[in-house]
């Protein structure tokens, strides 16, 4: 009877296998984490663009729908509207996002008429419209939102300039 003489198989991993696996996982994590952090910061900038663009389009729609003027105010990462019914809720942008505008006023106020048009401020700082550039110190990603004078067309894209102090709307490469 060989019932009791059956060889038992060892199960599990050796210490060398576990340590080798841990080292490989650690090296891969050290390589991948900076890329993920950069991607996370780029997404913060893109989210801020979506917040601003969405608020502007909502206020423009509400101005046309209600037949009265709506003013959007962008001040230190907070987006509000006057009257309050122009935006369903106040929007907040992450505090790590830098907001620069042309015209360089704080707060930036963009007025939509009852027709959805945007009157040109006097004196006009440029011939295109309002420019809002969003960036982060943690990434090279720079995005822009343009609001054209006259028709009030709202577009976003990439900002192609290293300077964020003198915003040039012409350096905003619009997405199709």
N, C-alpha and C. Protein backbone atom coordinates (compact mmCIF):
# COMPACT_ATOMS: atom_id res chain seq x y z
N UNK A 1 0.82 -1.17 0.00
CA UNK A 1 0.00 0.00 0.00
C UNK A 1 0.86 1.24 0.00
N UNK A 2 0.62 2.00 -0.96
CA UNK A 2 1.42 3.19 -1.11
C UNK A 2 0.67 4.44 -0.70
N UNK A 3 -0.37 4.34 -0.03
CA UNK A 3 -1.18 5.46 0.38
C UNK A 3 -0.44 6.44 1.27
N UNK A 4 0.31 5.93 2.15
CA UNK A 4 0.97 6.79 3.13
C UNK A 4 2.34 7.27 2.68
N UNK A 5 2.84 6.77 1.59
CA UNK A 5 4.16 7.15 1.12
C UNK A 5 4.12 8.12 -0.06
N UNK A 6 3.01 8.82 -0.24
CA UNK A 6 2.88 9.77 -1.34
C UNK A 6 3.76 10.98 -1.04
N UNK A 7 4.54 11.40 -2.03
CA UNK A 7 5.40 12.57 -1.86
C UNK A 7 4.55 13.84 -1.88
N UNK A 8 4.83 14.71 -0.96
CA UNK A 8 4.12 15.99 -0.91
C UNK A 8 4.88 17.00 -1.76
N UNK A 9 4.14 17.73 -2.60
CA UNK A 9 4.72 18.76 -3.44
C UNK A 9 4.81 20.06 -2.66
N UNK A 10 5.90 20.76 -2.81
CA UNK A 10 6.01 22.08 -2.19
C UNK A 10 5.17 23.07 -2.98
N UNK A 11 4.46 23.95 -2.29
CA UNK A 11 3.63 24.96 -2.95
C UNK A 11 4.11 26.34 -2.52
N UNK A 12 3.91 27.34 -3.40
CA UNK A 12 4.28 28.71 -3.07
C UNK A 12 5.50 29.17 -3.84
N UNK A 13 6.00 30.35 -3.43
CA UNK A 13 7.12 30.97 -4.10
C UNK A 13 8.32 31.02 -3.17
N UNK A 14 9.49 31.03 -3.76
CA UNK A 14 10.69 31.16 -2.95
C UNK A 14 10.92 32.63 -2.64
N UNK A 15 11.75 32.88 -1.67
CA UNK A 15 12.05 34.26 -1.27
C UNK A 15 12.70 35.02 -2.42
N UNK A 16 13.55 34.38 -3.17
CA UNK A 16 14.22 35.04 -4.30
C UNK A 16 13.19 35.45 -5.35
N UNK A 17 12.22 34.62 -5.64
CA UNK A 17 11.18 34.96 -6.62
C UNK A 17 10.35 36.16 -6.15
N UNK A 18 10.01 36.19 -4.89
CA UNK A 18 9.20 37.29 -4.35
C UNK A 18 9.99 38.60 -4.39
N UNK A 19 11.26 38.58 -3.98
CA UNK A 19 12.08 39.79 -3.98
C UNK A 19 12.30 40.29 -5.40
N UNK A 20 12.57 39.38 -6.34
CA UNK A 20 12.77 39.77 -7.74
C UNK A 20 11.51 40.42 -8.30
N UNK A 21 10.36 39.86 -8.02
CA UNK A 21 9.09 40.43 -8.49
C UNK A 21 8.87 41.81 -7.89
N UNK A 22 9.16 41.96 -6.60
CA UNK A 22 8.98 43.26 -5.95
C UNK A 22 9.90 44.31 -6.55
N UNK A 23 11.13 43.94 -6.87
CA UNK A 23 12.07 44.89 -7.48
C UNK A 23 11.60 45.31 -8.86
N UNK A 24 11.15 44.36 -9.67
CA UNK A 24 10.67 44.67 -11.01
C UNK A 24 9.45 45.59 -10.94
N UNK A 25 8.51 45.31 -10.05
CA UNK A 25 7.32 46.15 -9.89
C UNK A 25 7.73 47.55 -9.42
N UNK A 26 8.69 47.65 -8.51
CA UNK A 26 9.16 48.94 -8.03
C UNK A 26 9.80 49.78 -9.12
N UNK A 27 10.62 49.15 -9.97
CA UNK A 27 11.26 49.87 -11.07
C UNK A 27 10.21 50.36 -12.06
N UNK A 28 9.26 49.51 -12.40
CA UNK A 28 8.20 49.92 -13.33
C UNK A 28 7.37 51.06 -12.75
N UNK A 29 7.09 51.01 -11.46
CA UNK A 29 6.32 52.09 -10.83
C UNK A 29 7.11 53.39 -10.83
N UNK A 30 8.42 53.31 -10.58
CA UNK A 30 9.25 54.52 -10.57
C UNK A 30 9.30 55.17 -11.95
N UNK A 31 9.21 54.37 -12.98
CA UNK A 31 9.22 54.90 -14.34
C UNK A 31 7.86 55.47 -14.71
N UNK A 32 6.79 54.81 -14.30
CA UNK A 32 5.44 55.18 -14.73
C UNK A 32 4.81 56.32 -13.93
N UNK A 33 5.13 56.46 -12.65
CA UNK A 33 4.46 57.45 -11.80
C UNK A 33 4.63 58.88 -12.30
N UNK A 34 5.83 59.33 -12.68
CA UNK A 34 5.94 60.71 -13.19
C UNK A 34 5.07 60.97 -14.42
N UNK A 35 4.94 59.98 -15.28
CA UNK A 35 4.08 60.15 -16.45
C UNK A 35 2.63 60.31 -16.03
N UNK A 36 2.20 59.55 -15.05
CA UNK A 36 0.82 59.65 -14.59
C UNK A 36 0.56 60.97 -13.90
N UNK A 37 1.54 61.48 -13.16
CA UNK A 37 1.37 62.78 -12.50
C UNK A 37 1.24 63.88 -13.55
N UNK A 38 2.09 63.84 -14.58
CA UNK A 38 1.99 64.82 -15.67
C UNK A 38 0.66 64.75 -16.38
N UNK A 39 0.19 63.54 -16.62
CA UNK A 39 -1.10 63.34 -17.27
C UNK A 39 -2.23 63.88 -16.39
N UNK A 40 -2.13 63.66 -15.10
CA UNK A 40 -3.13 64.16 -14.15
C UNK A 40 -3.18 65.68 -14.18
N UNK A 41 -2.01 66.34 -14.20
CA UNK A 41 -1.97 67.80 -14.23
C UNK A 41 -2.48 68.35 -15.55
N UNK A 42 -2.20 67.67 -16.67
CA UNK A 42 -2.74 68.09 -17.96
C UNK A 42 -4.26 68.00 -17.94
N UNK A 43 -4.78 66.96 -17.32
CA UNK A 43 -6.24 66.81 -17.24
C UNK A 43 -6.87 67.90 -16.39
N UNK A 44 -6.16 68.40 -15.38
CA UNK A 44 -6.68 69.52 -14.57
C UNK A 44 -6.86 70.76 -15.44
N UNK A 45 -5.88 71.02 -16.31
CA UNK A 45 -5.96 72.18 -17.20
C UNK A 45 -7.13 72.01 -18.17
N UNK A 46 -7.27 70.81 -18.74
CA UNK A 46 -8.36 70.55 -19.68
C UNK A 46 -9.72 70.66 -18.99
N UNK A 47 -9.79 70.22 -17.74
CA UNK A 47 -11.04 70.33 -16.98
C UNK A 47 -11.39 71.80 -16.73
N UNK A 48 -10.38 72.62 -16.45
CA UNK A 48 -10.62 74.05 -16.23
C UNK A 48 -11.14 74.71 -17.50
N UNK A 49 -10.59 74.32 -18.66
CA UNK A 49 -11.08 74.84 -19.94
C UNK A 49 -12.54 74.46 -20.13
N UNK A 50 -12.86 73.21 -19.84
CA UNK A 50 -14.24 72.75 -19.99
C UNK A 50 -15.18 73.51 -19.05
N UNK A 51 -14.72 73.81 -17.84
CA UNK A 51 -15.54 74.58 -16.89
C UNK A 51 -15.84 75.98 -17.42
N UNK A 52 -14.80 76.66 -17.90
CA UNK A 52 -14.97 78.03 -18.39
C UNK A 52 -15.81 78.05 -19.66
N UNK A 53 -15.46 77.18 -20.61
CA UNK A 53 -16.20 77.14 -21.87
C UNK A 53 -17.67 76.78 -21.64
N UNK A 54 -17.91 75.84 -20.74
CA UNK A 54 -19.29 75.45 -20.43
C UNK A 54 -20.07 76.58 -19.79
N UNK A 55 -19.44 77.30 -18.86
CA UNK A 55 -20.11 78.42 -18.20
C UNK A 55 -20.44 79.53 -19.19
N UNK A 56 -19.50 79.83 -20.09
CA UNK A 56 -19.74 80.87 -21.08
C UNK A 56 -20.88 80.50 -22.03
N UNK A 57 -20.88 79.26 -22.50
CA UNK A 57 -21.93 78.83 -23.42
C UNK A 57 -23.29 78.78 -22.73
N UNK A 58 -23.29 78.36 -21.47
CA UNK A 58 -24.55 78.33 -20.73
C UNK A 58 -25.11 79.74 -20.53
N UNK A 59 -24.25 80.68 -20.17
CA UNK A 59 -24.69 82.07 -19.97
C UNK A 59 -25.18 82.67 -21.28
N UNK A 60 -24.51 82.36 -22.38
CA UNK A 60 -24.93 82.87 -23.69
C UNK A 60 -26.31 82.32 -24.06
N UNK A 61 -26.51 81.03 -23.83
CA UNK A 61 -27.83 80.42 -24.11
C UNK A 61 -28.92 81.03 -23.24
N UNK A 62 -28.61 81.23 -21.96
CA UNK A 62 -29.60 81.80 -21.05
C UNK A 62 -29.94 83.24 -21.43
N UNK A 63 -28.94 83.99 -21.88
CA UNK A 63 -29.19 85.38 -22.30
C UNK A 63 -30.16 85.40 -23.48
N UNK A 64 -29.95 84.50 -24.44
CA UNK A 64 -30.85 84.45 -25.61
C UNK A 64 -32.22 83.91 -25.22
N UNK A 65 -32.24 82.91 -24.36
CA UNK A 65 -33.51 82.30 -23.97
C UNK A 65 -34.38 83.25 -23.16
N UNK A 66 -33.77 83.98 -22.25
CA UNK A 66 -34.52 84.89 -21.39
C UNK A 66 -34.70 86.28 -22.00
N UNK A 67 -33.97 86.55 -23.08
CA UNK A 67 -34.10 87.85 -23.74
C UNK A 67 -33.52 88.99 -22.94
N UNK A 68 -32.48 88.70 -22.15
CA UNK A 68 -31.85 89.78 -21.39
C UNK A 68 -30.35 89.52 -21.22
N UNK A 69 -29.65 90.55 -20.88
CA UNK A 69 -28.20 90.51 -20.78
C UNK A 69 -27.72 89.60 -19.65
N UNK A 70 -26.63 88.87 -19.89
CA UNK A 70 -25.98 88.06 -18.87
C UNK A 70 -24.50 88.43 -18.82
N UNK A 71 -23.98 88.59 -17.63
CA UNK A 71 -22.57 88.92 -17.44
C UNK A 71 -21.89 87.77 -16.70
N UNK A 72 -20.84 87.22 -17.30
CA UNK A 72 -20.04 86.17 -16.66
C UNK A 72 -18.81 86.82 -16.07
N UNK A 73 -18.53 86.50 -14.81
CA UNK A 73 -17.37 87.06 -14.11
C UNK A 73 -16.42 85.93 -13.74
N UNK A 74 -15.16 86.07 -14.17
CA UNK A 74 -14.12 85.09 -13.83
C UNK A 74 -13.15 85.81 -12.91
N UNK A 75 -13.09 85.34 -11.66
CA UNK A 75 -12.28 86.00 -10.65
C UNK A 75 -11.62 84.97 -9.74
N UNK A 76 -10.31 84.89 -9.79
CA UNK A 76 -9.53 84.01 -8.90
C UNK A 76 -10.07 82.59 -8.84
N UNK A 77 -10.34 82.01 -9.97
CA UNK A 77 -10.77 80.62 -10.01
C UNK A 77 -12.24 80.39 -9.75
N UNK A 78 -13.01 81.45 -9.64
CA UNK A 78 -14.45 81.32 -9.43
C UNK A 78 -15.18 81.93 -10.62
N UNK A 79 -16.17 81.21 -11.13
CA UNK A 79 -16.96 81.69 -12.27
C UNK A 79 -18.38 81.91 -11.78
N UNK A 80 -18.82 83.16 -11.87
CA UNK A 80 -20.18 83.51 -11.46
C UNK A 80 -20.86 84.26 -12.59
N UNK A 81 -22.16 84.46 -12.45
CA UNK A 81 -22.91 85.20 -13.47
C UNK A 81 -23.89 86.14 -12.80
N UNK A 82 -24.22 87.18 -13.53
CA UNK A 82 -25.19 88.15 -13.06
C UNK A 82 -26.18 88.41 -14.19
N UNK A 83 -27.46 88.31 -13.99
CA UNK A 83 -28.14 87.84 -12.79
C UNK A 83 -27.86 86.35 -12.55
N UNK A 84 -28.18 85.91 -11.34
CA UNK A 84 -27.86 84.54 -10.93
C UNK A 84 -28.48 83.48 -11.82
N UNK A 85 -29.58 83.79 -12.47
CA UNK A 85 -30.27 82.80 -13.31
C UNK A 85 -29.51 82.49 -14.60
N UNK A 86 -28.44 83.23 -14.88
CA UNK A 86 -27.67 82.98 -16.10
C UNK A 86 -26.84 81.70 -16.01
N UNK A 87 -26.45 81.32 -14.81
CA UNK A 87 -25.74 80.05 -14.59
C UNK A 87 -26.51 79.25 -13.56
N UNK A 88 -26.63 77.97 -13.80
CA UNK A 88 -27.34 77.13 -12.84
C UNK A 88 -26.60 77.05 -11.52
N UNK A 89 -25.25 77.09 -11.58
CA UNK A 89 -24.47 77.04 -10.35
C UNK A 89 -23.14 77.75 -10.56
N UNK A 90 -22.58 78.22 -9.46
CA UNK A 90 -21.25 78.83 -9.50
C UNK A 90 -20.24 77.73 -9.78
N UNK A 91 -19.23 78.03 -10.56
CA UNK A 91 -18.22 77.03 -10.88
C UNK A 91 -16.89 77.45 -10.26
N UNK A 92 -16.12 76.44 -9.85
CA UNK A 92 -14.82 76.69 -9.24
C UNK A 92 -13.74 75.96 -10.01
N UNK A 93 -12.64 76.63 -10.22
CA UNK A 93 -11.49 76.04 -10.91
C UNK A 93 -10.42 75.73 -9.87
N UNK A 94 -9.73 74.62 -10.07
CA UNK A 94 -8.66 74.17 -9.17
C UNK A 94 -7.69 75.32 -8.89
N UNK A 95 -7.28 75.45 -7.64
CA UNK A 95 -6.41 76.57 -7.24
C UNK A 95 -5.01 76.47 -7.83
N UNK A 96 -4.62 75.30 -8.35
CA UNK A 96 -3.30 75.14 -8.97
C UNK A 96 -3.28 75.60 -10.43
N UNK A 97 -4.43 76.02 -10.94
CA UNK A 97 -4.52 76.46 -12.33
C UNK A 97 -4.33 77.97 -12.39
N UNK A 98 -3.42 78.41 -13.25
CA UNK A 98 -3.18 79.85 -13.46
C UNK A 98 -4.12 80.35 -14.54
N UNK A 99 -4.78 81.47 -14.28
CA UNK A 99 -5.70 82.07 -15.25
C UNK A 99 -5.16 83.44 -15.64
N UNK A 100 -4.88 83.61 -16.93
CA UNK A 100 -4.42 84.89 -17.46
C UNK A 100 -5.38 85.30 -18.57
N UNK A 101 -5.65 86.60 -18.66
CA UNK A 101 -6.67 87.05 -19.61
C UNK A 101 -6.19 88.24 -20.44
N UNK A 102 -6.85 88.42 -21.56
CA UNK A 102 -6.70 89.62 -22.38
C UNK A 102 -8.12 90.05 -22.73
N UNK A 103 -8.60 91.15 -22.25
CA UNK A 103 -7.88 92.19 -21.54
C UNK A 103 -7.48 91.73 -20.14
N UNK A 104 -6.36 92.27 -19.66
CA UNK A 104 -5.80 91.87 -18.38
C UNK A 104 -6.50 92.63 -17.26
N UNK A 105 -7.70 92.19 -16.95
CA UNK A 105 -8.47 92.82 -15.88
C UNK A 105 -8.82 91.76 -14.85
N UNK A 106 -8.95 92.17 -13.64
CA UNK A 106 -9.37 91.24 -12.60
C UNK A 106 -10.46 91.92 -11.79
N UNK A 107 -11.64 91.41 -11.78
CA UNK A 107 -12.11 90.22 -12.48
C UNK A 107 -12.39 90.49 -13.96
N UNK A 108 -12.37 89.43 -14.74
CA UNK A 108 -12.74 89.54 -16.15
C UNK A 108 -14.26 89.40 -16.26
N UNK A 109 -14.89 90.36 -16.90
CA UNK A 109 -16.34 90.30 -17.10
C UNK A 109 -16.64 90.24 -18.58
N UNK A 110 -17.40 89.22 -18.97
CA UNK A 110 -17.82 89.06 -20.36
C UNK A 110 -19.33 89.19 -20.39
N UNK A 111 -19.81 90.12 -21.21
CA UNK A 111 -21.24 90.43 -21.27
C UNK A 111 -21.83 89.83 -22.55
N UNK A 112 -22.91 89.07 -22.38
CA UNK A 112 -23.68 88.55 -23.51
C UNK A 112 -24.99 89.32 -23.59
N UNK A 113 -25.29 89.86 -24.77
CA UNK A 113 -26.54 90.60 -24.96
C UNK A 113 -27.70 89.61 -25.08
N UNK A 114 -28.90 90.13 -25.18
CA UNK A 114 -30.09 89.28 -25.31
C UNK A 114 -30.07 88.47 -26.61
N UNK A 115 -29.20 88.85 -27.54
CA UNK A 115 -29.05 88.10 -28.80
C UNK A 115 -27.87 87.13 -28.75
N UNK A 116 -27.14 87.09 -27.64
CA UNK A 116 -25.97 86.23 -27.51
C UNK A 116 -24.70 86.87 -28.02
N UNK A 117 -24.80 88.14 -28.44
CA UNK A 117 -23.63 88.86 -28.94
C UNK A 117 -22.77 89.34 -27.78
N UNK A 118 -21.50 89.62 -28.11
CA UNK A 118 -20.57 90.16 -27.13
C UNK A 118 -20.12 91.54 -27.60
N UNK A 119 -20.52 92.60 -26.89
CA UNK A 119 -20.09 93.94 -27.31
C UNK A 119 -18.59 94.12 -27.08
N UNK A 120 -17.97 94.87 -27.97
CA UNK A 120 -16.54 95.15 -27.86
C UNK A 120 -16.33 96.22 -26.81
N UNK A 121 -15.42 95.95 -25.83
CA UNK A 121 -15.18 96.96 -24.80
C UNK A 121 -14.45 98.17 -25.39
N UNK A 122 -14.62 99.31 -24.76
CA UNK A 122 -13.98 100.53 -25.23
C UNK A 122 -13.05 101.01 -24.12
N UNK A 123 -11.79 101.21 -24.34
CA UNK A 123 -11.06 100.93 -25.57
C UNK A 123 -10.83 99.43 -25.72
N UNK A 124 -10.78 98.98 -26.96
CA UNK A 124 -10.62 97.57 -27.25
C UNK A 124 -9.14 97.18 -27.14
N UNK A 125 -8.82 96.16 -26.33
CA UNK A 125 -7.42 95.75 -26.17
C UNK A 125 -6.89 94.98 -27.38
N UNK A 126 -7.76 94.39 -28.18
CA UNK A 126 -7.34 93.65 -29.37
C UNK A 126 -8.51 93.59 -30.34
N UNK A 127 -8.30 93.01 -31.48
CA UNK A 127 -9.35 92.99 -32.51
C UNK A 127 -10.10 91.67 -32.56
N UNK A 128 -9.66 90.68 -31.81
CA UNK A 128 -10.27 89.35 -31.91
C UNK A 128 -11.39 89.16 -30.89
N UNK A 129 -11.06 89.34 -29.64
CA UNK A 129 -12.05 89.12 -28.59
C UNK A 129 -11.36 88.86 -27.27
N UNK A 130 -12.12 88.34 -26.34
CA UNK A 130 -11.58 88.00 -25.03
C UNK A 130 -10.75 86.73 -25.16
N UNK A 131 -9.61 86.70 -24.49
CA UNK A 131 -8.76 85.51 -24.47
C UNK A 131 -8.49 85.13 -23.03
N UNK A 132 -8.69 83.85 -22.73
CA UNK A 132 -8.43 83.32 -21.40
C UNK A 132 -7.44 82.18 -21.56
N UNK A 133 -6.28 82.29 -20.91
CA UNK A 133 -5.25 81.26 -21.01
C UNK A 133 -5.14 80.57 -19.66
N UNK A 134 -5.19 79.24 -19.70
CA UNK A 134 -5.12 78.43 -18.49
C UNK A 134 -3.85 77.59 -18.55
N UNK A 135 -3.12 77.57 -17.45
CA UNK A 135 -1.89 76.79 -17.38
C UNK A 135 -1.68 76.31 -15.95
N UNK A 136 -0.70 75.44 -15.80
CA UNK A 136 -0.35 74.93 -14.48
C UNK A 136 1.17 74.96 -14.36
N UNK A 137 1.67 75.23 -13.17
CA UNK A 137 3.11 75.22 -12.95
C UNK A 137 3.68 73.81 -13.02
N UNK A 138 2.82 72.80 -12.89
CA UNK A 138 3.26 71.42 -12.85
C UNK A 138 3.34 70.77 -14.22
N UNK A 139 2.96 71.48 -15.26
CA UNK A 139 2.99 70.91 -16.61
C UNK A 139 3.20 72.03 -17.63
N UNK A 140 3.61 71.67 -18.82
CA UNK A 140 3.81 72.66 -19.88
C UNK A 140 2.52 72.92 -20.66
N UNK A 141 1.47 72.24 -20.30
CA UNK A 141 0.18 72.36 -21.00
C UNK A 141 -0.40 73.76 -20.81
N UNK A 142 -0.70 74.42 -21.93
CA UNK A 142 -1.36 75.73 -21.90
C UNK A 142 -2.54 75.67 -22.85
N UNK A 143 -3.71 75.98 -22.33
CA UNK A 143 -4.94 75.97 -23.13
C UNK A 143 -5.54 77.37 -23.13
N UNK A 144 -6.34 77.65 -24.14
CA UNK A 144 -6.96 78.96 -24.23
C UNK A 144 -8.43 78.84 -24.61
N UNK A 145 -9.18 79.83 -24.20
CA UNK A 145 -10.58 79.97 -24.58
C UNK A 145 -10.73 81.37 -25.17
N UNK A 146 -11.31 81.44 -26.37
CA UNK A 146 -11.55 82.73 -27.02
C UNK A 146 -13.04 82.99 -27.11
N UNK A 147 -13.43 84.23 -26.85
CA UNK A 147 -14.81 84.67 -27.04
C UNK A 147 -14.74 85.85 -28.00
N UNK A 148 -15.25 85.66 -29.22
CA UNK A 148 -15.14 86.67 -30.26
C UNK A 148 -16.09 87.83 -30.00
N UNK A 149 -15.57 89.04 -30.25
CA UNK A 149 -16.44 90.21 -30.21
C UNK A 149 -17.47 90.07 -31.31
N UNK A 150 -18.59 90.71 -31.13
CA UNK A 150 -19.64 90.67 -32.15
C UNK A 150 -20.53 89.46 -31.95
N UNK A 151 -20.29 88.40 -32.70
CA UNK A 151 -21.17 87.23 -32.67
C UNK A 151 -21.09 86.43 -31.38
N UNK A 152 -20.01 86.57 -30.64
CA UNK A 152 -19.88 85.84 -29.38
C UNK A 152 -19.52 84.38 -29.57
N UNK A 153 -18.81 84.07 -30.65
CA UNK A 153 -18.39 82.68 -30.89
C UNK A 153 -17.38 82.29 -29.82
N UNK A 154 -17.58 81.10 -29.22
CA UNK A 154 -16.72 80.62 -28.14
C UNK A 154 -15.97 79.40 -28.65
N UNK A 155 -14.64 79.46 -28.61
CA UNK A 155 -13.79 78.36 -29.07
C UNK A 155 -12.67 78.14 -28.07
N UNK A 156 -12.11 76.93 -28.08
CA UNK A 156 -10.96 76.64 -27.23
C UNK A 156 -9.88 75.96 -28.05
N UNK A 157 -8.67 75.98 -27.52
CA UNK A 157 -7.55 75.36 -28.22
C UNK A 157 -6.29 75.41 -27.38
N UNK A 158 -5.15 75.21 -28.06
CA UNK A 158 -3.85 75.23 -27.40
C UNK A 158 -3.24 76.62 -27.52
N UNK A 159 -2.61 77.06 -26.44
CA UNK A 159 -1.94 78.36 -26.46
C UNK A 159 -0.46 78.14 -26.75
N UNK A 160 0.03 78.75 -27.82
CA UNK A 160 1.39 78.52 -28.29
C UNK A 160 2.31 79.71 -28.02
N UNK A 161 2.55 79.98 -26.76
CA UNK A 161 3.47 81.04 -26.40
C UNK A 161 4.00 80.74 -25.00
N UNK A 162 5.26 81.06 -24.76
CA UNK A 162 5.84 80.81 -23.44
C UNK A 162 5.43 81.87 -22.43
N UNK A 163 5.09 83.05 -22.90
CA UNK A 163 4.71 84.13 -22.01
C UNK A 163 3.24 83.98 -21.60
N UNK A 164 3.00 84.13 -20.31
CA UNK A 164 1.61 84.14 -19.84
C UNK A 164 1.27 85.49 -19.22
N UNK A 165 2.15 86.47 -19.41
CA UNK A 165 1.85 87.79 -18.87
C UNK A 165 1.18 88.67 -19.91
N UNK A 166 1.66 88.65 -21.14
CA UNK A 166 1.03 89.42 -22.22
C UNK A 166 0.33 88.45 -23.15
N UNK A 167 -0.93 88.24 -22.92
CA UNK A 167 -1.70 87.25 -23.68
C UNK A 167 -2.02 87.80 -25.06
N UNK A 168 -1.66 87.03 -26.08
CA UNK A 168 -1.94 87.39 -27.47
C UNK A 168 -2.98 86.41 -28.02
N UNK A 169 -4.20 86.86 -28.27
CA UNK A 169 -5.24 85.95 -28.77
C UNK A 169 -4.86 85.25 -30.08
N UNK A 170 -4.00 85.86 -30.86
CA UNK A 170 -3.59 85.26 -32.14
C UNK A 170 -2.75 84.00 -31.93
N UNK A 171 -2.20 83.81 -30.73
CA UNK A 171 -1.38 82.63 -30.45
C UNK A 171 -2.21 81.44 -29.97
N UNK A 172 -3.51 81.59 -29.98
CA UNK A 172 -4.40 80.50 -29.59
C UNK A 172 -4.73 79.69 -30.84
N UNK A 173 -4.21 78.46 -30.87
CA UNK A 173 -4.46 77.58 -32.01
C UNK A 173 -5.74 76.81 -31.71
N UNK A 174 -6.80 77.18 -32.41
CA UNK A 174 -8.12 76.63 -32.12
C UNK A 174 -8.25 75.19 -32.60
N UNK A 175 -8.97 74.40 -31.81
CA UNK A 175 -9.27 73.02 -32.20
C UNK A 175 -10.41 73.04 -33.21
N UNK A 176 -10.38 72.12 -34.14
CA UNK A 176 -11.45 72.06 -35.16
C UNK A 176 -12.69 71.42 -34.64
